[in-house]
Amino acid sequence: MKRLQFATFKFSNGNKLELNINDGTAPVFGTYKFTPDGNYLEISLGSRAALPHKIISFGEEKIILGDDVNLGLMYKKILVPFDEAASKGDKK
């Protein structure tokens, strides 16, 4: 879990996704899409099959995706907007 604590997900046009773990390893690229009912965000990284992450909350300030032990999604994910200054320890 700590491995993703400072990771960044970059969502781009064309349903492209980049995961940077910020540990010196190369970024992992993948795709994302919403299910037709809008209840899940399907994320596929590298050669892994897309996994449906239940959307618990989706807003400008925070996205919360649920866990599902049966799919190997052990923890909820809380995504917040990237703040360049905060990542460098700068004060605003």
PDB file of N, CA and C in Angstrom:
ATOM      1  N   MET A   1       0.827  -1.186   0.000  1.00  0.00           N
ATOM      2  CA  MET A   1       0.000   0.000   0.000  1.00  0.00           C
ATOM      3  C   MET A   1       0.869   1.246   0.000  1.00  0.00           C
ATOM      4  N   LYS A   2       1.939   1.242   0.770  1.00  0.00           N
ATOM      5  CA  LYS A   2       2.791   2.417   0.833  1.00  0.00           C
ATOM      6  C   LYS A   2       3.385   2.728  -0.540  1.00  0.00           C
ATOM      7  N   ARG A   3       3.569   1.699  -1.359  1.00  0.00           N
ATOM      8  CA  ARG A   3       4.151   1.877  -2.678  1.00  0.00           C
ATOM      9  C   ARG A   3       3.353   2.866  -3.522  1.00  0.00           C
ATOM     10  N   LEU A   4       2.049   2.904  -3.381  1.00  0.00           N
ATOM     11  CA  LEU A   4       1.209   3.812  -4.151  1.00  0.00           C
ATOM     12  C   LEU A   4       0.899   5.113  -3.420  1.00  0.00           C
ATOM     13  N   GLN A   5       1.407   5.272  -2.219  1.00  0.00           N
ATOM     14  CA  GLN A   5       1.067   6.449  -1.419  1.00  0.00           C
ATOM     15  C   GLN A   5       1.383   7.747  -2.152  1.00  0.00           C
ATOM     16  N   PHE A   6       2.502   7.823  -2.843  1.00  0.00           N
ATOM     17  CA  PHE A   6       2.884   9.044  -3.534  1.00  0.00           C
ATOM     18  C   PHE A   6       2.842   8.884  -5.050  1.00  0.00           C
ATOM     19  N   ALA A   7       2.155   7.863  -5.518  1.00  0.00           N
ATOM     20  CA  ALA A   7       2.033   7.619  -6.950  1.00  0.00           C
ATOM     21  C   ALA A   7       1.125   8.665  -7.582  1.00  0.00           C
ATOM     22  N   THR A   8       1.327   8.881  -8.877  1.00  0.00           N
ATOM     23  CA  THR A   8       0.451   9.792  -9.612  1.00  0.00           C
ATOM     24  C   THR A   8      -0.179   9.039 -10.777  1.00  0.00           C
ATOM     25  N   PHE A   9      -1.477   9.231 -10.924  1.00  0.00           N
ATOM     26  CA  PHE A   9      -2.224   8.720 -12.058  1.00  0.00           C
ATOM     27  C   PHE A   9      -2.494   9.916 -12.963  1.00  0.00           C
ATOM     28  N   LYS A  10      -2.137   9.810 -14.230  1.00  0.00           N
ATOM     29  CA  LYS A  10      -2.411  10.886 -15.177  1.00  0.00           C
ATOM     30  C   LYS A  10      -3.431  10.367 -16.178  1.00  0.00           C
ATOM     31  N   PHE A  11      -4.632  10.942 -16.118  1.00  0.00           N
ATOM     32  CA  PHE A  11      -5.708  10.581 -17.028  1.00  0.00           C
ATOM     33  C   PHE A  11      -5.664  11.551 -18.207  1.00  0.00           C
ATOM     34  N   SER A  12      -5.583  11.039 -19.433  1.00  0.00           N
ATOM     35  CA  SER A  12      -5.480  11.875 -20.625  1.00  0.00           C
ATOM     36  C   SER A  12      -6.626  11.602 -21.582  1.00  0.00           C
ATOM     37  N   ASN A  13      -6.771  12.494 -22.553  1.00  0.00           N
ATOM     38  CA  ASN A  13      -7.758  12.288 -23.608  1.00  0.00           C
ATOM     39  C   ASN A  13      -7.504  10.956 -24.290  1.00  0.00           C
ATOM     40  N   GLY A  14      -8.536  10.410 -24.878  1.00  0.00           N
ATOM     41  CA  GLY A  14      -8.406   9.127 -25.564  1.00  0.00           C
ATOM     42  C   GLY A  14      -8.364   7.951 -24.606  1.00  0.00           C
ATOM     43  N   ASN A  15      -8.797   8.170 -23.369  1.00  0.00           N
ATOM     44  CA  ASN A  15      -8.853   7.129 -22.339  1.00  0.00           C
ATOM     45  C   ASN A  15      -7.481   6.541 -22.032  1.00  0.00           C
ATOM     46  N   LYS A  16      -6.451   7.367 -22.117  1.00  0.00           N
ATOM     47  CA  LYS A  16      -5.103   6.916 -21.802  1.00  0.00           C
ATOM     48  C   LYS A  16      -4.781   7.227 -20.348  1.00  0.00           C
ATOM     49  N   LEU A  17      -3.995   6.344 -19.751  1.00  0.00           N
ATOM     50  CA  LEU A  17      -3.654   6.455 -18.339  1.00  0.00           C
ATOM     51  C   LEU A  17      -2.169   6.188 -18.154  1.00  0.00           C
ATOM     52  N   GLU A  18      -1.549   6.972 -17.269  1.00  0.00           N
ATOM     53  CA  GLU A  18      -0.139   6.774 -16.919  1.00  0.00           C
ATOM     54  C   GLU A  18      -0.036   6.703 -15.404  1.00  0.00           C
ATOM     55  N   LEU A  19       0.609   5.669 -14.917  1.00  0.00           N
ATOM     56  CA  LEU A  19       0.854   5.511 -13.485  1.00  0.00           C
ATOM     57  C   LEU A  19       2.342   5.670 -13.243  1.00  0.00           C
ATOM     58  N   ASN A  20       2.691   6.657 -12.422  1.00  0.00           N
ATOM     59  CA  ASN A  20       4.079   6.869 -12.044  1.00  0.00           C
ATOM     60  C   ASN A  20       4.174   6.644 -10.540  1.00  0.00           C
ATOM     61  N   ILE A  21       4.897   5.624 -10.142  1.00  0.00           N
ATOM     62  CA  ILE A  21       4.995   5.267  -8.722  1.00  0.00           C
ATOM     63  C   ILE A  21       5.960   6.188  -7.984  1.00  0.00           C
ATOM     64  N   ASN A  22       6.760   6.938  -8.723  1.00  0.00           N
ATOM     65  CA  ASN A  22       7.697   7.903  -8.141  1.00  0.00           C
ATOM     66  C   ASN A  22       8.733   7.248  -7.240  1.00  0.00           C
ATOM     67  N   ASP A  23       9.196   6.090  -7.672  1.00  0.00           N
ATOM     68  CA  ASP A  23      10.241   5.398  -6.913  1.00  0.00           C
ATOM     69  C   ASP A  23      11.464   5.122  -7.781  1.00  0.00           C
ATOM     70  N   GLY A  24      11.544   5.812  -8.918  1.00  0.00           N
ATOM     71  CA  GLY A  24      12.667   5.609  -9.815  1.00  0.00           C
ATOM     72  C   GLY A  24      12.392   4.616 -10.923  1.00  0.00           C
ATOM     73  N   THR A  25      11.292   3.885 -10.846  1.00  0.00           N
ATOM     74  CA  THR A  25      10.948   2.944 -11.908  1.00  0.00           C
ATOM     75  C   THR A  25      10.225   3.684 -13.033  1.00  0.00           C
ATOM     76  N   ALA A  26      10.207   3.081 -14.197  1.00  0.00           N
ATOM     77  CA  ALA A  26       9.546   3.692 -15.353  1.00  0.00           C
ATOM     78  C   ALA A  26       8.030   3.713 -15.141  1.00  0.00           C
ATOM     79  N   PRO A  27       7.362   4.724 -15.692  1.00  0.00           N
ATOM     80  CA  PRO A  27       5.902   4.769 -15.600  1.00  0.00           C
ATOM     81  C   PRO A  27       5.271   3.558 -16.288  1.00  0.00           C
ATOM     82  N   VAL A  28       4.068   3.218 -15.860  1.00  0.00           N
ATOM     83  CA  VAL A  28       3.292   2.142 -16.475  1.00  0.00           C
ATOM     84  C   VAL A  28       2.130   2.811 -17.203  1.00  0.00           C
ATOM     85  N   PHE A  29       1.894   2.393 -18.433  1.00  0.00           N
ATOM     86  CA  PHE A  29       0.836   2.990 -19.238  1.00  0.00           C
ATOM     87  C   PHE A  29      -0.329   2.027 -19.373  1.00  0.00           C
ATOM     88  N   GLY A  30      -1.503   2.590 -19.536  1.00  0.00           N
ATOM     89  CA  GLY A  30      -2.692   1.773 -19.686  1.00  0.00           C
ATOM     90  C   GLY A  30      -3.851   2.590 -20.203  1.00  0.00           C
ATOM     91  N   THR A  31      -5.046   2.096 -19.923  1.00  0.00           N
ATOM     92  CA  THR A  31      -6.267   2.763 -20.371  1.00  0.00           C
ATOM     93  C   THR A  31      -7.293   2.777 -19.237  1.00  0.00           C
ATOM     94  N   TYR A  32      -8.288   3.626 -19.421  1.00  0.00           N
ATOM     95  CA  TYR A  32      -9.401   3.679 -18.466  1.00  0.00           C
ATOM     96  C   TYR A  32     -10.689   3.925 -19.236  1.00  0.00           C
ATOM     97  N   LYS A  33     -11.792   3.509 -18.649  1.00  0.00           N
ATOM     98  CA  LYS A  33     -13.110   3.831 -19.205  1.00  0.00           C
ATOM     99  C   LYS A  33     -14.151   3.606 -18.121  1.00  0.00           C
ATOM    100  N   PHE A  34     -15.250   4.310 -18.265  1.00  0.00           N
ATOM    101  CA  PHE A  34     -16.377   4.140 -17.362  1.00  0.00           C
ATOM    102  C   PHE A  34     -17.297   3.068 -17.931  1.00  0.00           C
ATOM    103  N   THR A  35     -17.888   2.271 -17.042  1.00  0.00           N
ATOM    104  CA  THR A  35     -18.866   1.297 -17.499  1.00  0.00           C
ATOM    105  C   THR A  35     -20.109   2.045 -17.985  1.00  0.00           C
ATOM    106  N   PRO A  36     -20.912   1.432 -18.843  1.00  0.00           N
ATOM    107  CA  PRO A  36     -22.096   2.115 -19.378  1.00  0.00           C
ATOM    108  C   PRO A  36     -23.035   2.661 -18.299  1.00  0.00           C
ATOM    109  N   ASP A  37     -23.121   1.979 -17.154  1.00  0.00           N
ATOM    110  CA  ASP A  37     -24.007   2.461 -16.086  1.00  0.00           C
ATOM    111  C   ASP A  37     -23.353   3.562 -15.248  1.00  0.00           C
ATOM    112  N   GLY A  38     -22.044   3.829 -15.471  1.00  0.00           N
ATOM    113  CA  GLY A  38     -21.350   4.889 -14.753  1.00  0.00           C
ATOM    114  C   GLY A  38     -20.989   4.561 -13.316  1.00  0.00           C
ATOM    115  N   ASN A  39     -21.176   3.319 -12.903  1.00  0.00           N
ATOM    116  CA  ASN A  39     -20.906   2.935 -11.522  1.00  0.00           C
ATOM    117  C   ASN A  39     -19.481   2.454 -11.283  1.00  0.00           C
ATOM    118  N   TYR A  40     -18.748   2.155 -12.357  1.00  0.00           N
ATOM    119  CA  TYR A  40     -17.396   1.615 -12.220  1.00  0.00           C
ATOM    120  C   TYR A  40     -16.436   2.339 -13.165  1.00  0.00           C
ATOM    121  N   LEU A  41     -15.196   2.421 -12.732  1.00  0.00           N
ATOM    122  CA  LEU A  41     -14.110   2.921 -13.568  1.00  0.00           C
ATOM    123  C   LEU A  41     -13.209   1.724 -13.828  1.00  0.00           C
ATOM    124  N   GLU A  42     -13.129   1.310 -15.095  1.00  0.00           N
ATOM    125  CA  GLU A  42     -12.294   0.167 -15.460  1.00  0.00           C
ATOM    126  C   GLU A  42     -10.893   0.666 -15.785  1.00  0.00           C
ATOM    127  N   ILE A  43      -9.900   0.122 -15.098  1.00  0.00           N
ATOM    128  CA  ILE A  43      -8.508   0.517 -15.276  1.00  0.00           C
ATOM    129  C   ILE A  43      -7.699  -0.687 -15.714  1.00  0.00           C
ATOM    130  N   SER A  44      -6.949  -0.504 -16.787  1.00  0.00           N
ATOM    131  CA  SER A  44      -6.046  -1.534 -17.284  1.00  0.00           C
ATOM    132  C   SER A  44      -4.654  -0.923 -17.343  1.00  0.00           C
ATOM    133  N   LEU A  45      -3.682  -1.559 -16.692  1.00  0.00           N
ATOM    134  CA  LEU A  45      -2.307  -1.066 -16.680  1.00  0.00           C
ATOM    135  C   LEU A  45      -1.375  -2.137 -17.237  1.00  0.00           C
ATOM    136  N   GLY A  46      -0.476  -1.720 -18.129  1.00  0.00           N
ATOM    137  CA  GLY A  46       0.447  -2.671 -18.728  1.00  0.00           C
ATOM    138  C   GLY A  46      -0.318  -3.754 -19.469  1.00  0.00           C
ATOM    139  N   SER A  47       0.059  -5.003 -19.244  1.00  0.00           N
ATOM    140  CA  SER A  47      -0.600  -6.122 -19.921  1.00  0.00           C
ATOM    141  C   SER A  47      -1.727  -6.724 -19.084  1.00  0.00           C
ATOM    142  N   ARG A  48      -2.022  -6.110 -17.956  1.00  0.00           N
ATOM    143  CA  ARG A  48      -3.086  -6.644 -17.089  1.00  0.00           C
ATOM    144  C   ARG A  48      -4.467  -6.344 -17.650  1.00  0.00           C
ATOM    145  N   ALA A  49      -5.384  -7.256 -17.436  1.00  0.00           N
ATOM    146  CA  ALA A  49      -6.768  -7.066 -17.875  1.00  0.00           C
ATOM    147  C   ALA A  49      -7.408  -5.931 -17.092  1.00  0.00           C
ATOM    148  N   ALA A  50      -8.383  -5.291 -17.698  1.00  0.00           N
ATOM    149  CA  ALA A  50      -9.094  -4.194 -17.040  1.00  0.00           C
ATOM    150  C   ALA A  50      -9.828  -4.706 -15.809  1.00  0.00           C
ATOM    151  N   LEU A  51      -9.692  -3.963 -14.718  1.00  0.00           N
ATOM    152  CA  LEU A  51     -10.399  -4.292 -13.485  1.00  0.00           C
ATOM    153  C   LEU A  51     -11.412  -3.197 -13.179  1.00  0.00           C
ATOM    154  N   PRO A  52     -12.653  -3.597 -12.854  1.00  0.00           N
ATOM    155  CA  PRO A  52     -13.674  -2.591 -12.543  1.00  0.00           C
ATOM    156  C   PRO A  52     -13.544  -2.112 -11.092  1.00  0.00           C
ATOM    157  N   HIS A  53     -13.301  -0.824 -10.920  1.00  0.00           N
ATOM    158  CA  HIS A  53     -13.212  -0.208  -9.597  1.00  0.00           C
ATOM    159  C   HIS A  53     -14.531   0.515  -9.325  1.00  0.00           C
ATOM    160  N   LYS A  54     -15.252   0.089  -8.300  1.00  0.00           N
ATOM    161  CA  LYS A  54     -16.527   0.731  -7.964  1.00  0.00           C
ATOM    162  C   LYS A  54     -16.283   2.173  -7.582  1.00  0.00           C
ATOM    163  N   ILE A  55     -17.060   3.082  -8.165  1.00  0.00           N
ATOM    164  CA  ILE A  55     -16.942   4.504  -7.847  1.00  0.00           C
ATOM    165  C   ILE A  55     -17.790   4.781  -6.615  1.00  0.00           C
ATOM    166  N   ILE A  56     -17.136   5.146  -5.527  1.00  0.00           N
ATOM    167  CA  ILE A  56     -17.841   5.494  -4.293  1.00  0.00           C
ATOM    168  C   ILE A  56     -18.185   6.978  -4.299  1.00  0.00           C
ATOM    169  N   SER A  57     -17.239   7.797  -4.744  1.00  0.00           N
ATOM    170  CA  SER A  57     -17.430   9.243  -4.808  1.00  0.00           C
ATOM    171  C   SER A  57     -16.604   9.780  -5.964  1.00  0.00           C
ATOM    172  N   PHE A  58     -17.169  10.732  -6.706  1.00  0.00           N
ATOM    173  CA  PHE A  58     -16.463  11.296  -7.854  1.00  0.00           C
ATOM    174  C   PHE A  58     -16.738  12.788  -7.898  1.00  0.00           C
ATOM    175  N   GLY A  59     -15.701  13.590  -7.624  1.00  0.00           N
ATOM    176  CA  GLY A  59     -15.859  15.039  -7.630  1.00  0.00           C
ATOM    177  C   GLY A  59     -14.566  15.720  -8.033  1.00  0.00           C
ATOM    178  N   GLU A  60     -14.597  17.038  -8.116  1.00  0.00           N
ATOM    179  CA  GLU A  60     -13.415  17.800  -8.516  1.00  0.00           C
ATOM    180  C   GLU A  60     -12.269  17.673  -7.523  1.00  0.00           C
ATOM    181  N   GLU A  61     -12.572  17.572  -6.257  1.00  0.00           N
ATOM    182  CA  GLU A  61     -11.542  17.551  -5.217  1.00  0.00           C
ATOM    183  C   GLU A  61     -11.060  16.161  -4.839  1.00  0.00           C
ATOM    184  N   LYS A  62     -11.859  15.150  -5.178  1.00  0.00           N
ATOM    185  CA  LYS A  62     -11.484  13.805  -4.732  1.00  0.00           C
ATOM    186  C   LYS A  62     -12.288  12.755  -5.486  1.00  0.00           C
ATOM    187  N   ILE A  63     -11.619  11.662  -5.827  1.00  0.00           N
ATOM    188  CA  ILE A  63     -12.278  10.483  -6.391  1.00  0.00           C
ATOM    189  C   ILE A  63     -11.970   9.323  -5.448  1.00  0.00           C
ATOM    190  N   ILE A  64     -13.007   8.612  -5.029  1.00  0.00           N
ATOM    191  CA  ILE A  64     -12.810   7.450  -4.167  1.00  0.00           C
ATOM    192  C   ILE A  64     -13.306   6.216  -4.905  1.00  0.00           C
ATOM    193  N   LEU A  65     -12.390   5.252  -5.049  1.00  0.00           N
ATOM    194  CA  LEU A  65     -12.712   3.989  -5.703  1.00  0.00           C
ATOM    195  C   LEU A  65     -12.695   2.882  -4.669  1.00  0.00           C
ATOM    196  N   GLY A  66     -13.656   1.990  -4.740  1.00  0.00           N
ATOM    197  CA  GLY A  66     -13.800   0.938  -3.745  1.00  0.00           C
ATOM    198  C   GLY A  66     -12.840  -0.225  -3.921  1.00  0.00           C
ATOM    199  N   ASP A  67     -12.794  -1.040  -2.885  1.00  0.00           N
ATOM    200  CA  ASP A  67     -11.974  -2.249  -2.891  1.00  0.00           C
ATOM    201  C   ASP A  67     -12.846  -3.439  -3.289  1.00  0.00           C
ATOM    202  N   ASP A  68     -12.216  -4.519  -3.680  1.00  0.00           N
ATOM    203  CA  ASP A  68     -12.903  -5.776  -3.989  1.00  0.00           C
ATOM    204  C   ASP A  68     -11.875  -6.894  -3.852  1.00  0.00           C
ATOM    205  N   VAL A  69     -11.862  -7.534  -2.706  1.00  0.00           N
ATOM    206  CA  VAL A  69     -10.869  -8.565  -2.408  1.00  0.00           C
ATOM    207  C   VAL A  69     -10.920  -9.689  -3.438  1.00  0.00           C
ATOM    208  N   ASN A  70     -12.115 -10.008  -3.949  1.00  0.00           N
ATOM    209  CA  ASN A  70     -12.246 -11.082  -4.929  1.00  0.00           C
ATOM    210  C   ASN A  70     -11.507 -10.779  -6.230  1.00  0.00           C
ATOM    211  N   LEU A  71     -11.325  -9.497  -6.545  1.00  0.00           N
ATOM    212  CA  LEU A  71     -10.601  -9.100  -7.753  1.00  0.00           C
ATOM    213  C   LEU A  71      -9.141  -8.760  -7.466  1.00  0.00           C
ATOM    214  N   GLY A  72      -8.751  -8.831  -6.205  1.00  0.00           N
ATOM    215  CA  GLY A  72      -7.386  -8.480  -5.838  1.00  0.00           C
ATOM    216  C   GLY A  72      -7.204  -6.996  -5.558  1.00  0.00           C
ATOM    217  N   LEU A  73      -8.302  -6.255  -5.476  1.00  0.00           N
ATOM    218  CA  LEU A  73      -8.253  -4.823  -5.150  1.00  0.00           C
ATOM    219  C   LEU A  73      -8.378  -4.701  -3.635  1.00  0.00           C
ATOM    220  N   MET A  74      -7.243  -4.746  -2.958  1.00  0.00           N
ATOM    221  CA  MET A  74      -7.229  -4.898  -1.510  1.00  0.00           C
ATOM    222  C   MET A  74      -7.596  -3.637  -0.736  1.00  0.00           C
ATOM    223  N   TYR A  75      -7.410  -2.472  -1.333  1.00  0.00           N
ATOM    224  CA  TYR A  75      -7.628  -1.218  -0.607  1.00  0.00           C
ATOM    225  C   TYR A  75      -8.441  -0.250  -1.459  1.00  0.00           C
ATOM    226  N   LYS A  76      -9.175   0.616  -0.775  1.00  0.00           N
ATOM    227  CA  LYS A  76      -9.826   1.712  -1.471  1.00  0.00           C
ATOM    228  C   LYS A  76      -8.742   2.641  -2.006  1.00  0.00           C
ATOM    229  N   LYS A  77      -9.032   3.318  -3.086  1.00  0.00           N
ATOM    230  CA  LYS A  77      -8.108   4.299  -3.644  1.00  0.00           C
ATOM    231  C   LYS A  77      -8.737   5.677  -3.534  1.00  0.00           C
ATOM    232  N   ILE A  78      -7.993   6.604  -2.998  1.00  0.00           N
ATOM    233  CA  ILE A  78      -8.445   7.985  -2.900  1.00  0.00           C
ATOM    234  C   ILE A  78      -7.522   8.810  -3.787  1.00  0.00           C
ATOM    235  N   LEU A  79      -8.070   9.357  -4.861  1.00  0.00           N
ATOM    236  CA  LEU A  79      -7.302  10.144  -5.808  1.00  0.00           C
ATOM    237  C   LEU A  79      -7.639  11.613  -5.615  1.00  0.00           C
ATOM    238  N   VAL A  80      -6.621  12.438  -5.493  1.00  0.00           N
ATOM    239  CA  VAL A  80      -6.808  13.878  -5.339  1.00  0.00           C
ATOM    240  C   VAL A  80      -6.017  14.580  -6.439  1.00  0.00           C
ATOM    241  N   PRO A  81      -6.406  15.811  -6.798  1.00  0.00           N
ATOM    242  CA  PRO A  81      -5.673  16.527  -7.847  1.00  0.00           C
ATOM    243  C   PRO A  81      -4.200  16.692  -7.495  1.00  0.00           C
ATOM    244  N   PHE A  82      -3.358  16.586  -8.498  1.00  0.00           N
ATOM    245  CA  PHE A  82      -1.914  16.712  -8.319  1.00  0.00           C
ATOM    246  C   PHE A  82      -1.569  18.168  -8.049  1.00  0.00           C
ATOM    247  N   ASP A  83      -0.721  18.398  -7.083  1.00  0.00           N
ATOM    248  CA  ASP A  83      -0.260  19.746  -6.728  1.00  0.00           C
ATOM    249  C   ASP A  83       1.260  19.753  -6.866  1.00  0.00           C
ATOM    250  N   GLU A  84       1.754  20.362  -7.931  1.00  0.00           N
ATOM    251  CA  GLU A  84       3.185  20.393  -8.222  1.00  0.00           C
ATOM    252  C   GLU A  84       3.978  20.974  -7.047  1.00  0.00           C
ATOM    253  N   ALA A  85       3.485  22.057  -6.460  1.00  0.00           N
ATOM    254  CA  ALA A  85       4.192  22.702  -5.344  1.00  0.00           C
ATOM    255  C   ALA A  85       4.284  21.770  -4.136  1.00  0.00           C
ATOM    256  N   ALA A  86       3.189  21.074  -3.850  1.00  0.00           N
ATOM    257  CA  ALA A  86       3.191  20.168  -2.700  1.00  0.00           C
ATOM    258  C   ALA A  86       4.143  19.015  -2.905  1.00  0.00           C
ATOM    259  N   SER A  87       4.277  18.553  -4.146  1.00  0.00           N
ATOM    260  CA  SER A  87       5.150  17.423  -4.406  1.00  0.00           C
ATOM    261  C   SER A  87       6.626  17.789  -4.213  1.00  0.00           C
ATOM    262  N   LYS A  88       6.926  19.076  -4.287  1.00  0.00           N
ATOM    263  CA  LYS A  88       8.313  19.535  -4.098  1.00  0.00           C
ATOM    264  C   LYS A  88       8.541  20.101  -2.712  1.00  0.00           C
ATOM    265  N   GLY A  89       7.493  20.103  -1.894  1.00  0.00           N
ATOM    266  CA  GLY A  89       7.618  20.645  -0.550  1.00  0.00           C
ATOM    267  C   GLY A  89       7.549  22.160  -0.512  1.00  0.00           C
ATOM    268  N   ASP A  90       7.187  22.804  -1.626  1.00  0.00           N
ATOM    269  CA  ASP A  90       7.077  24.264  -1.670  1.00  0.00           C
ATOM    270  C   ASP A  90       5.841  24.703  -0.916  1.00  0.00           C
ATOM    271  N   LYS A  91       5.927  25.882  -0.342  1.00  0.00           N
ATOM    272  CA  LYS A  91       4.768  26.463   0.315  1.00  0.00           C
ATOM    273  C   LYS A  91       4.136  27.453  -0.622  1.00  0.00           C
ATOM    274  N   LYS A  92       2.839  27.494  -0.592  1.00  0.00           N
ATOM    275  CA  LYS A  92       2.104  28.438  -1.458  1.00  0.00           C
ATOM    276  C   LYS A  92       1.978  29.780  -0.787  1.00  0.00           C
TER     277      LYS A  92
END
